[in-house]
Amino acid sequence: MLAFVQWLQATSFFTAFRGSWYVYPIIMSTHLAAIALFGGMILMVDMRLLGLGMTKRPISDLIDQLRVPKQVGFIILVTCGIMMFGSKAEEYYYNIFFRLKMLLLVLVFLHAMAFRSSVYGNAAALDKMPRVPGIAKLAAVLSFCLWTGLVICGRGIGYVEPPLDKIHAMLMGHSAAFLR
């Protein structure tokens, strides 16, 4: 895996991306803005499922109306994330917060699959019930915790210095062997 991230980071595309004074900050700013917008939509759905906000609005309306904007937001998030990762792949490889963030992304995917038929794809049935069922509330609490953890880990990435003694170690080892 280390060899792959070193190769990825060294491609001309990501080298140019990393070296630009403008592109990286624009991509990071777009990523952060998308987090705010996407996170707000996730929070609105979670709060509605928990009965803590927009309780006069049907759950199905909220979920249906936010589905496409959330999908677009997610695509923007992932695209910007891939761009940032590729430009500093080796540093991220060693970053514990990045690894935790990737684990949480997998858990978010599993969460979405686990609650797809019972909650997110069945919102009209939830509206007909006298109270929001426990399974929907559980989905909301787990969603809130997972996405909060993702944001925390994402922010933590910037505070961990890469192990400078390891960065490019494998590439330098190959160069040294070649020069002998």
N, C-alpha and C. Protein backbone atom coordinates (compact mmCIF):
# COMPACT_ATOMS: atom_id res chain seq x y z
N MET A 1 0.83 -1.19 0.00
CA MET A 1 0.00 0.00 0.00
C MET A 1 0.87 1.26 0.00
N LEU A 2 1.96 1.24 0.74
CA LEU A 2 2.86 2.39 0.79
C LEU A 2 3.40 2.71 -0.60
N ALA A 3 3.80 1.68 -1.34
CA ALA A 3 4.32 1.90 -2.70
C ALA A 3 3.25 2.55 -3.58
N PHE A 4 1.99 2.15 -3.42
CA PHE A 4 0.91 2.72 -4.22
C PHE A 4 0.73 4.21 -3.89
N VAL A 5 0.68 4.57 -2.61
CA VAL A 5 0.46 5.98 -2.27
C VAL A 5 1.64 6.84 -2.69
N GLN A 6 2.85 6.27 -2.63
CA GLN A 6 4.01 7.02 -3.11
C GLN A 6 3.92 7.24 -4.62
N TRP A 7 3.52 6.23 -5.35
CA TRP A 7 3.35 6.35 -6.79
C TRP A 7 2.26 7.38 -7.12
N LEU A 8 1.11 7.26 -6.44
CA LEU A 8 -0.01 8.16 -6.69
C LEU A 8 0.40 9.61 -6.48
N GLN A 9 1.03 9.87 -5.38
CA GLN A 9 1.46 11.22 -5.04
C GLN A 9 2.47 11.75 -6.05
N ALA A 10 3.28 10.88 -6.61
CA ALA A 10 4.33 11.29 -7.55
C ALA A 10 3.84 11.46 -8.99
N THR A 11 2.58 11.12 -9.28
CA THR A 11 2.09 11.30 -10.64
C THR A 11 2.13 12.78 -10.99
N SER A 12 2.26 13.07 -12.25
CA SER A 12 2.38 14.47 -12.68
C SER A 12 1.14 15.28 -12.31
N PHE A 13 -0.03 14.66 -12.37
CA PHE A 13 -1.27 15.37 -12.02
C PHE A 13 -1.22 15.84 -10.56
N PHE A 14 -0.94 14.92 -9.64
CA PHE A 14 -0.96 15.29 -8.23
C PHE A 14 0.25 16.13 -7.83
N THR A 15 1.35 15.98 -8.53
CA THR A 15 2.51 16.83 -8.28
C THR A 15 2.17 18.27 -8.67
N ALA A 16 1.55 18.45 -9.82
CA ALA A 16 1.13 19.79 -10.25
C ALA A 16 0.07 20.36 -9.32
N PHE A 17 -0.85 19.53 -8.93
CA PHE A 17 -1.92 19.95 -8.01
C PHE A 17 -1.31 20.43 -6.69
N ARG A 18 -0.40 19.66 -6.14
CA ARG A 18 0.24 19.99 -4.86
C ARG A 18 1.08 21.26 -4.97
N GLY A 19 1.70 21.48 -6.13
CA GLY A 19 2.58 22.62 -6.31
C GLY A 19 1.87 23.92 -6.63
N SER A 20 0.59 23.88 -6.89
CA SER A 20 -0.16 25.08 -7.24
C SER A 20 -0.43 25.93 -6.00
N TRP A 21 -0.27 27.21 -6.16
CA TRP A 21 -0.58 28.13 -5.05
C TRP A 21 -2.09 28.30 -4.88
N TYR A 22 -2.85 28.02 -5.94
CA TYR A 22 -4.27 28.32 -5.92
C TYR A 22 -5.17 27.09 -5.87
N VAL A 23 -4.79 26.05 -6.57
CA VAL A 23 -5.70 24.91 -6.73
C VAL A 23 -5.96 24.21 -5.40
N TYR A 24 -4.91 23.86 -4.65
CA TYR A 24 -5.12 23.14 -3.39
C TYR A 24 -6.01 23.93 -2.43
N PRO A 25 -5.75 25.23 -2.20
CA PRO A 25 -6.64 25.98 -1.30
C PRO A 25 -8.09 26.05 -1.79
N ILE A 26 -8.27 26.13 -3.11
CA ILE A 26 -9.63 26.17 -3.65
C ILE A 26 -10.33 24.83 -3.40
N ILE A 27 -9.62 23.73 -3.65
CA ILE A 27 -10.21 22.40 -3.43
C ILE A 27 -10.51 22.20 -1.94
N MET A 28 -9.58 22.60 -1.07
CA MET A 28 -9.83 22.43 0.37
C MET A 28 -11.01 23.29 0.82
N SER A 29 -11.10 24.51 0.34
CA SER A 29 -12.23 25.38 0.69
C SER A 29 -13.54 24.80 0.19
N THR A 30 -13.54 24.26 -1.02
CA THR A 30 -14.74 23.62 -1.57
C THR A 30 -15.13 22.42 -0.72
N HIS A 31 -14.13 21.64 -0.30
CA HIS A 31 -14.37 20.47 0.55
C HIS A 31 -15.03 20.92 1.87
N LEU A 32 -14.50 21.97 2.47
CA LEU A 32 -15.04 22.44 3.75
C LEU A 32 -16.45 23.02 3.58
N ALA A 33 -16.68 23.76 2.50
CA ALA A 33 -18.02 24.30 2.25
C ALA A 33 -19.02 23.16 2.02
N ALA A 34 -18.60 22.15 1.27
CA ALA A 34 -19.47 21.00 1.02
C ALA A 34 -19.77 20.26 2.32
N ILE A 35 -18.78 20.16 3.20
CA ILE A 35 -19.01 19.53 4.51
C ILE A 35 -20.09 20.29 5.26
N ALA A 36 -19.99 21.61 5.27
CA ALA A 36 -20.98 22.41 5.99
C ALA A 36 -22.38 22.21 5.41
N LEU A 37 -22.51 22.27 4.09
CA LEU A 37 -23.82 22.10 3.46
C LEU A 37 -24.34 20.68 3.61
N PHE A 38 -23.50 19.71 3.29
CA PHE A 38 -23.89 18.31 3.37
C PHE A 38 -24.19 17.93 4.82
N GLY A 39 -23.31 18.37 5.72
CA GLY A 39 -23.51 18.09 7.14
C GLY A 39 -24.80 18.70 7.67
N GLY A 40 -25.13 19.89 7.18
CA GLY A 40 -26.38 20.52 7.59
C GLY A 40 -27.59 19.72 7.15
N MET A 41 -27.53 19.18 5.94
CA MET A 41 -28.65 18.35 5.46
C MET A 41 -28.76 17.05 6.26
N ILE A 42 -27.63 16.45 6.56
CA ILE A 42 -27.64 15.22 7.38
C ILE A 42 -28.22 15.53 8.75
N LEU A 43 -27.78 16.65 9.33
CA LEU A 43 -28.26 17.04 10.65
C LEU A 43 -29.77 17.30 10.65
N MET A 44 -30.27 17.93 9.60
CA MET A 44 -31.72 18.19 9.51
C MET A 44 -32.51 16.88 9.53
N VAL A 45 -32.06 15.90 8.77
CA VAL A 45 -32.76 14.61 8.73
C VAL A 45 -32.65 13.92 10.08
N ASP A 46 -31.45 13.92 10.65
CA ASP A 46 -31.27 13.27 11.96
C ASP A 46 -32.14 13.91 13.03
N MET A 47 -32.18 15.24 13.05
CA MET A 47 -32.99 15.93 14.05
C MET A 47 -34.48 15.65 13.85
N ARG A 48 -34.91 15.56 12.59
CA ARG A 48 -36.32 15.25 12.32
C ARG A 48 -36.66 13.84 12.79
N LEU A 49 -35.77 12.89 12.51
CA LEU A 49 -36.02 11.51 12.94
C LEU A 49 -36.05 11.40 14.46
N LEU A 50 -35.27 12.23 15.13
CA LEU A 50 -35.25 12.21 16.59
C LEU A 50 -36.39 13.03 17.21
N GLY A 51 -37.15 13.73 16.36
CA GLY A 51 -38.25 14.55 16.86
C GLY A 51 -37.77 15.84 17.50
N LEU A 52 -36.58 16.30 17.14
CA LEU A 52 -36.01 17.50 17.74
C LEU A 52 -36.06 18.72 16.83
N GLY A 53 -36.60 18.56 15.66
CA GLY A 53 -36.69 19.69 14.74
C GLY A 53 -37.61 19.38 13.59
N MET A 54 -38.23 20.41 13.06
CA MET A 54 -39.13 20.31 11.91
C MET A 54 -40.19 19.22 12.08
N THR A 55 -40.73 19.11 13.26
CA THR A 55 -41.68 18.03 13.58
C THR A 55 -43.02 18.17 12.85
N LYS A 56 -43.33 19.35 12.35
CA LYS A 56 -44.57 19.52 11.61
C LYS A 56 -44.41 19.11 10.15
N ARG A 57 -43.20 18.90 9.74
CA ARG A 57 -42.90 18.52 8.35
C ARG A 57 -42.83 16.99 8.26
N PRO A 58 -43.47 16.38 7.26
CA PRO A 58 -43.38 14.92 7.11
C PRO A 58 -41.93 14.47 6.86
N ILE A 59 -41.56 13.37 7.46
CA ILE A 59 -40.22 12.82 7.31
C ILE A 59 -39.93 12.53 5.84
N SER A 60 -40.93 11.98 5.14
CA SER A 60 -40.73 11.62 3.74
C SER A 60 -40.43 12.84 2.88
N ASP A 61 -41.09 13.97 3.15
CA ASP A 61 -40.81 15.19 2.38
C ASP A 61 -39.36 15.63 2.58
N LEU A 62 -38.94 15.63 3.80
CA LEU A 62 -37.57 16.08 4.10
C LEU A 62 -36.54 15.16 3.46
N ILE A 63 -36.72 13.86 3.64
CA ILE A 63 -35.76 12.91 3.06
C ILE A 63 -35.78 12.98 1.54
N ASP A 64 -36.97 13.03 0.95
CA ASP A 64 -37.07 13.07 -0.52
C ASP A 64 -36.50 14.35 -1.10
N GLN A 65 -36.79 15.48 -0.47
CA GLN A 65 -36.32 16.75 -1.01
C GLN A 65 -34.81 16.94 -0.83
N LEU A 66 -34.22 16.29 0.15
CA LEU A 66 -32.78 16.44 0.37
C LEU A 66 -31.95 15.33 -0.29
N ARG A 67 -32.61 14.32 -0.82
CA ARG A 67 -31.88 13.19 -1.40
C ARG A 67 -30.90 13.61 -2.50
N VAL A 68 -31.37 14.32 -3.50
CA VAL A 68 -30.50 14.73 -4.62
C VAL A 68 -29.43 15.73 -4.16
N PRO A 69 -29.79 16.78 -3.41
CA PRO A 69 -28.72 17.68 -2.95
C PRO A 69 -27.67 16.97 -2.08
N LYS A 70 -28.12 16.00 -1.29
CA LYS A 70 -27.15 15.24 -0.48
C LYS A 70 -26.25 14.40 -1.38
N GLN A 71 -26.79 13.80 -2.40
CA GLN A 71 -25.98 13.00 -3.32
C GLN A 71 -24.96 13.88 -4.04
N VAL A 72 -25.38 15.04 -4.50
CA VAL A 72 -24.46 15.97 -5.16
C VAL A 72 -23.39 16.43 -4.17
N GLY A 73 -23.80 16.77 -2.97
CA GLY A 73 -22.85 17.17 -1.93
C GLY A 73 -21.84 16.08 -1.63
N PHE A 74 -22.31 14.86 -1.57
CA PHE A 74 -21.42 13.74 -1.29
C PHE A 74 -20.41 13.56 -2.42
N ILE A 75 -20.85 13.71 -3.66
CA ILE A 75 -19.94 13.59 -4.80
C ILE A 75 -18.87 14.69 -4.73
N ILE A 76 -19.28 15.90 -4.39
CA ILE A 76 -18.31 17.00 -4.25
C ILE A 76 -17.32 16.69 -3.13
N LEU A 77 -17.84 16.22 -2.01
CA LEU A 77 -16.97 15.87 -0.87
C LEU A 77 -15.94 14.81 -1.25
N VAL A 78 -16.41 13.76 -1.87
CA VAL A 78 -15.52 12.66 -2.23
C VAL A 78 -14.50 13.09 -3.27
N THR A 79 -14.96 13.85 -4.27
CA THR A 79 -14.03 14.30 -5.32
C THR A 79 -12.94 15.19 -4.73
N CYS A 80 -13.33 16.14 -3.92
CA CYS A 80 -12.33 17.02 -3.29
C CYS A 80 -11.44 16.22 -2.34
N GLY A 81 -12.01 15.27 -1.62
CA GLY A 81 -11.21 14.44 -0.72
C GLY A 81 -10.18 13.62 -1.46
N ILE A 82 -10.56 13.05 -2.59
CA ILE A 82 -9.62 12.27 -3.41
C ILE A 82 -8.50 13.17 -3.92
N MET A 83 -8.86 14.38 -4.34
CA MET A 83 -7.85 15.33 -4.83
C MET A 83 -6.85 15.67 -3.72
N MET A 84 -7.37 15.95 -2.53
CA MET A 84 -6.47 16.30 -1.42
C MET A 84 -5.62 15.09 -1.02
N PHE A 85 -6.23 13.91 -0.99
CA PHE A 85 -5.48 12.70 -0.64
C PHE A 85 -4.36 12.46 -1.64
N GLY A 86 -4.67 12.50 -2.92
CA GLY A 86 -3.67 12.21 -3.94
C GLY A 86 -2.48 13.14 -3.89
N SER A 87 -2.72 14.38 -3.49
CA SER A 87 -1.62 15.34 -3.46
C SER A 87 -0.68 15.13 -2.27
N LYS A 88 -1.18 14.50 -1.22
CA LYS A 88 -0.36 14.27 -0.02
C LYS A 88 -0.56 12.84 0.48
N ALA A 89 -0.64 11.91 -0.45
CA ALA A 89 -1.01 10.54 -0.13
C ALA A 89 -0.08 9.89 0.89
N GLU A 90 1.21 10.11 0.76
CA GLU A 90 2.14 9.47 1.68
C GLU A 90 2.00 10.03 3.10
N GLU A 91 1.79 11.32 3.21
CA GLU A 91 1.56 11.91 4.54
C GLU A 91 0.29 11.33 5.16
N TYR A 92 -0.77 11.23 4.37
CA TYR A 92 -2.02 10.68 4.88
C TYR A 92 -1.89 9.21 5.25
N TYR A 93 -1.05 8.52 4.53
CA TYR A 93 -0.83 7.09 4.80
C TYR A 93 -0.40 6.89 6.26
N TYR A 94 0.41 7.78 6.78
CA TYR A 94 0.93 7.65 8.14
C TYR A 94 0.03 8.32 9.19
N ASN A 95 -1.02 9.01 8.78
CA ASN A 95 -1.83 9.82 9.68
C ASN A 95 -2.95 9.00 10.30
N ILE A 96 -2.93 8.88 11.62
CA ILE A 96 -3.93 8.07 12.33
C ILE A 96 -5.34 8.64 12.15
N PHE A 97 -5.45 9.97 12.12
CA PHE A 97 -6.78 10.57 11.92
C PHE A 97 -7.33 10.25 10.54
N PHE A 98 -6.47 10.21 9.53
CA PHE A 98 -6.92 9.84 8.18
C PHE A 98 -7.42 8.39 8.18
N ARG A 99 -6.67 7.52 8.83
CA ARG A 99 -7.08 6.11 8.87
C ARG A 99 -8.42 5.95 9.59
N LEU A 100 -8.59 6.68 10.69
CA LEU A 100 -9.86 6.62 11.41
C LEU A 100 -11.00 7.18 10.55
N LYS A 101 -10.70 8.25 9.82
CA LYS A 101 -11.71 8.83 8.93
C LYS A 101 -12.15 7.83 7.88
N MET A 102 -11.21 7.09 7.31
CA MET A 102 -11.55 6.09 6.30
C MET A 102 -12.39 4.96 6.92
N LEU A 103 -12.04 4.56 8.14
CA LEU A 103 -12.83 3.55 8.85
C LEU A 103 -14.26 4.06 9.07
N LEU A 104 -14.39 5.32 9.49
CA LEU A 104 -15.71 5.88 9.70
C LEU A 104 -16.50 5.99 8.40
N LEU A 105 -15.83 6.27 7.29
CA LEU A 105 -16.53 6.29 6.00
C LEU A 105 -17.09 4.91 5.65
N VAL A 106 -16.33 3.88 5.95
CA VAL A 106 -16.83 2.52 5.73
C VAL A 106 -18.05 2.27 6.62
N LEU A 107 -17.97 2.71 7.86
CA LEU A 107 -19.11 2.54 8.78
C LEU A 107 -20.32 3.34 8.34
N VAL A 108 -20.11 4.53 7.76
CA VAL A 108 -21.22 5.33 7.22
C VAL A 108 -21.89 4.56 6.08
N PHE A 109 -21.10 3.96 5.22
CA PHE A 109 -21.65 3.17 4.12
C PHE A 109 -22.47 1.99 4.67
N LEU A 110 -21.91 1.29 5.66
CA LEU A 110 -22.64 0.16 6.26
C LEU A 110 -23.92 0.64 6.94
N HIS A 111 -23.85 1.79 7.59
CA HIS A 111 -25.04 2.38 8.23
C HIS A 111 -26.12 2.64 7.18
N ALA A 112 -25.72 3.25 6.07
CA ALA A 112 -26.69 3.55 5.01
C ALA A 112 -27.33 2.28 4.47
N MET A 113 -26.54 1.24 4.30
CA MET A 113 -27.08 -0.03 3.79
C MET A 113 -27.98 -0.69 4.84
N ALA A 114 -27.58 -0.64 6.09
CA ALA A 114 -28.34 -1.29 7.15
C ALA A 114 -29.72 -0.65 7.35
N PHE A 115 -29.80 0.67 7.19
CA PHE A 115 -31.06 1.38 7.47
C PHE A 115 -31.78 1.83 6.20
N ARG A 116 -31.28 1.41 5.07
CA ARG A 116 -31.87 1.85 3.80
C ARG A 116 -33.34 1.44 3.68
N SER A 117 -33.62 0.17 3.86
CA SER A 117 -35.01 -0.29 3.65
C SER A 117 -35.92 0.05 4.82
N SER A 118 -35.40 0.05 6.04
CA SER A 118 -36.27 0.27 7.19
C SER A 118 -36.51 1.74 7.51
N VAL A 119 -35.60 2.63 7.12
CA VAL A 119 -35.75 4.04 7.49
C VAL A 119 -35.72 4.95 6.25
N TYR A 120 -34.57 5.06 5.63
CA TYR A 120 -34.37 6.06 4.57
C TYR A 120 -35.18 5.77 3.31
N GLY A 121 -35.38 4.54 2.99
CA GLY A 121 -36.19 4.18 1.82
C GLY A 121 -37.64 3.91 2.16
N ASN A 122 -38.02 4.10 3.41
CA ASN A 122 -39.36 3.77 3.89
C ASN A 122 -39.96 4.95 4.66
N ALA A 123 -39.59 6.16 4.27
CA ALA A 123 -40.00 7.34 5.03
C ALA A 123 -41.51 7.56 5.02
N ALA A 124 -42.18 7.22 3.93
CA ALA A 124 -43.64 7.41 3.87
C ALA A 124 -44.33 6.58 4.93
N ALA A 125 -43.82 5.37 5.17
CA ALA A 125 -44.41 4.53 6.23
C ALA A 125 -44.15 5.12 7.61
N LEU A 126 -43.01 5.78 7.79
CA LEU A 126 -42.71 6.41 9.07
C LEU A 126 -43.70 7.53 9.37
N ASP A 127 -44.12 8.25 8.31
CA ASP A 127 -45.06 9.35 8.48
C ASP A 127 -46.42 8.86 8.97
N LYS A 128 -46.79 7.64 8.64
CA LYS A 128 -48.10 7.09 9.02
C LYS A 128 -48.14 6.59 10.46
N MET A 129 -46.97 6.43 11.06
CA MET A 129 -46.92 5.91 12.43
C MET A 129 -47.18 7.04 13.42
N PRO A 130 -47.79 6.70 14.57
CA PRO A 130 -48.09 7.75 15.56
C PRO A 130 -46.81 8.38 16.16
N ARG A 131 -45.77 7.59 16.24
CA ARG A 131 -44.48 8.08 16.76
C ARG A 131 -43.38 7.53 15.88
N VAL A 132 -42.27 8.26 15.84
CA VAL A 132 -41.12 7.78 15.09
C VAL A 132 -40.60 6.53 15.80
N PRO A 133 -40.47 5.42 15.06
CA PRO A 133 -40.04 4.18 15.71
C PRO A 133 -38.58 4.24 16.18
N GLY A 134 -38.29 3.38 17.13
CA GLY A 134 -36.95 3.32 17.71
C GLY A 134 -35.87 3.05 16.68
N ILE A 135 -36.15 2.27 15.66
CA ILE A 135 -35.14 1.95 14.64
C ILE A 135 -34.73 3.21 13.88
N ALA A 136 -35.69 4.12 13.64
CA ALA A 136 -35.38 5.38 12.95
C ALA A 136 -34.56 6.29 13.86
N LYS A 137 -34.90 6.28 15.13
CA LYS A 137 -34.13 7.09 16.09
C LYS A 137 -32.71 6.55 16.24
N LEU A 138 -32.59 5.23 16.25
CA LEU A 138 -31.26 4.62 16.31
C LEU A 138 -30.44 5.00 15.08
N ALA A 139 -31.08 4.96 13.91
CA ALA A 139 -30.39 5.36 12.68
C ALA A 139 -29.91 6.80 12.77
N ALA A 140 -30.74 7.67 13.31
CA ALA A 140 -30.38 9.09 13.43
C ALA A 140 -29.21 9.29 14.40
N VAL A 141 -29.27 8.63 15.55
CA VAL A 141 -28.18 8.77 16.54
C VAL A 141 -26.87 8.24 15.97
N LEU A 142 -26.93 7.08 15.34
CA LEU A 142 -25.71 6.52 14.75
C LEU A 142 -25.17 7.42 13.64
N SER A 143 -26.06 7.92 12.81
CA SER A 143 -25.66 8.84 11.74
C SER A 143 -24.97 10.06 12.32
N PHE A 144 -25.58 10.66 13.31
CA PHE A 144 -25.01 11.86 13.94
C PHE A 144 -23.62 11.56 14.52
N CYS A 145 -23.49 10.46 15.21
CA CYS A 145 -22.20 10.09 15.81
C CYS A 145 -21.13 9.81 14.75
N LEU A 146 -21.50 9.07 13.72
CA LEU A 146 -20.54 8.75 12.66
C LEU A 146 -20.08 10.00 11.93
N TRP A 147 -21.01 10.86 11.54
CA TRP A 147 -20.63 12.07 10.81
C TRP A 147 -19.88 13.06 11.69
N THR A 148 -20.23 13.13 12.96
CA THR A 148 -19.46 13.98 13.87
C THR A 148 -18.04 13.45 13.99
N GLY A 149 -17.89 12.15 14.12
CA GLY A 149 -16.56 11.54 14.17
C GLY A 149 -15.77 11.80 12.91
N LEU A 150 -16.43 11.75 11.75
CA LEU A 150 -15.76 12.04 10.48
C LEU A 150 -15.22 13.47 10.45
N VAL A 151 -16.03 14.41 10.89
CA VAL A 151 -15.60 15.80 10.90
C VAL A 151 -14.43 16.00 11.87
N ILE A 152 -14.52 15.40 13.02
CA ILE A 152 -13.44 15.51 14.01
C ILE A 152 -12.15 14.91 13.47
N CYS A 153 -12.24 13.74 12.89
CA CYS A 153 -11.04 13.11 12.31
C CYS A 153 -10.49 13.91 11.15
N GLY A 154 -11.38 14.43 10.32
CA GLY A 154 -10.94 15.26 9.20
C GLY A 154 -10.18 16.48 9.68
N ARG A 155 -10.67 17.09 10.71
CA ARG A 155 -10.00 18.26 11.27
C ARG A 155 -8.68 17.85 11.92
N GLY A 156 -8.66 16.68 12.54
CA GLY A 156 -7.44 16.20 13.21
C GLY A 156 -6.31 15.90 12.24
N ILE A 157 -6.65 15.60 10.99
CA ILE A 157 -5.61 15.27 10.00
C ILE A 157 -4.57 16.39 9.91
N GLY A 158 -5.03 17.61 9.94
CA GLY A 158 -4.13 18.75 9.80
C GLY A 158 -3.23 18.99 10.99
N TYR A 159 -3.48 18.33 12.10
CA TYR A 159 -2.69 18.57 13.31
C TYR A 159 -1.66 17.49 13.59
N VAL A 160 -1.57 16.50 12.73
CA VAL A 160 -0.60 15.42 12.91
C VAL A 160 0.52 15.61 11.90
N GLU A 161 1.72 15.82 12.39
CA GLU A 161 2.88 15.95 11.52
C GLU A 161 3.28 14.57 11.01
N PRO A 162 3.60 14.48 9.73
CA PRO A 162 4.03 13.17 9.20
C PRO A 162 5.41 12.82 9.75
N PRO A 163 5.69 11.53 9.87
CA PRO A 163 7.02 11.11 10.33
C PRO A 163 8.06 11.37 9.23
N LEU A 164 8.76 12.47 9.36
CA LEU A 164 9.68 12.89 8.30
C LEU A 164 10.76 11.86 8.00
N ASP A 165 11.09 11.04 8.98
CA ASP A 165 12.10 10.01 8.75
C ASP A 165 11.58 8.88 7.85
N LYS A 166 10.25 8.80 7.70
CA LYS A 166 9.66 7.73 6.88
C LYS A 166 9.19 8.21 5.51
N ILE A 167 8.90 9.49 5.39
CA ILE A 167 8.40 10.01 4.12
C ILE A 167 9.43 9.78 3.02
N HIS A 168 8.99 9.20 1.96
CA HIS A 168 9.81 8.85 0.80
C HIS A 168 10.91 7.84 1.13
N ALA A 169 10.82 7.19 2.26
CA ALA A 169 11.87 6.25 2.69
C ALA A 169 12.05 5.14 1.67
N MET A 170 10.94 4.60 1.18
CA MET A 170 11.04 3.49 0.24
C MET A 170 11.64 3.96 -1.09
N LEU A 171 11.23 5.15 -1.54
CA LEU A 171 11.77 5.68 -2.79
C LEU A 171 13.26 5.97 -2.66
N MET A 172 13.65 6.55 -1.52
CA MET A 172 15.06 6.87 -1.32
C MET A 172 15.88 5.60 -1.21
N GLY A 173 15.31 4.57 -0.60
CA GLY A 173 16.01 3.28 -0.49
C GLY A 173 16.28 2.71 -1.86
N HIS A 174 15.30 2.81 -2.76
CA HIS A 174 15.50 2.32 -4.12
C HIS A 174 16.56 3.14 -4.86
N SER A 175 16.56 4.44 -4.65
CA SER A 175 17.54 5.31 -5.32
C SER A 175 18.93 5.00 -4.84
N ALA A 176 19.10 4.79 -3.53
CA ALA A 176 20.41 4.51 -2.97
C ALA A 176 20.94 3.18 -3.53
N ALA A 177 20.06 2.20 -3.65
CA ALA A 177 20.50 0.89 -4.19
C ALA A 177 20.87 1.02 -5.66
N PHE A 178 20.15 1.89 -6.38
CA PHE A 178 20.43 2.09 -7.79
C PHE A 178 21.78 2.77 -7.99
N LEU A 179 22.13 3.70 -7.11
CA LEU A 179 23.37 4.46 -7.26
C LEU A 179 24.60 3.64 -6.91
N ARG A 180 24.48 2.58 -6.19
CA ARG A 180 25.65 1.78 -5.78
C ARG A 180 26.26 1.07 -6.92
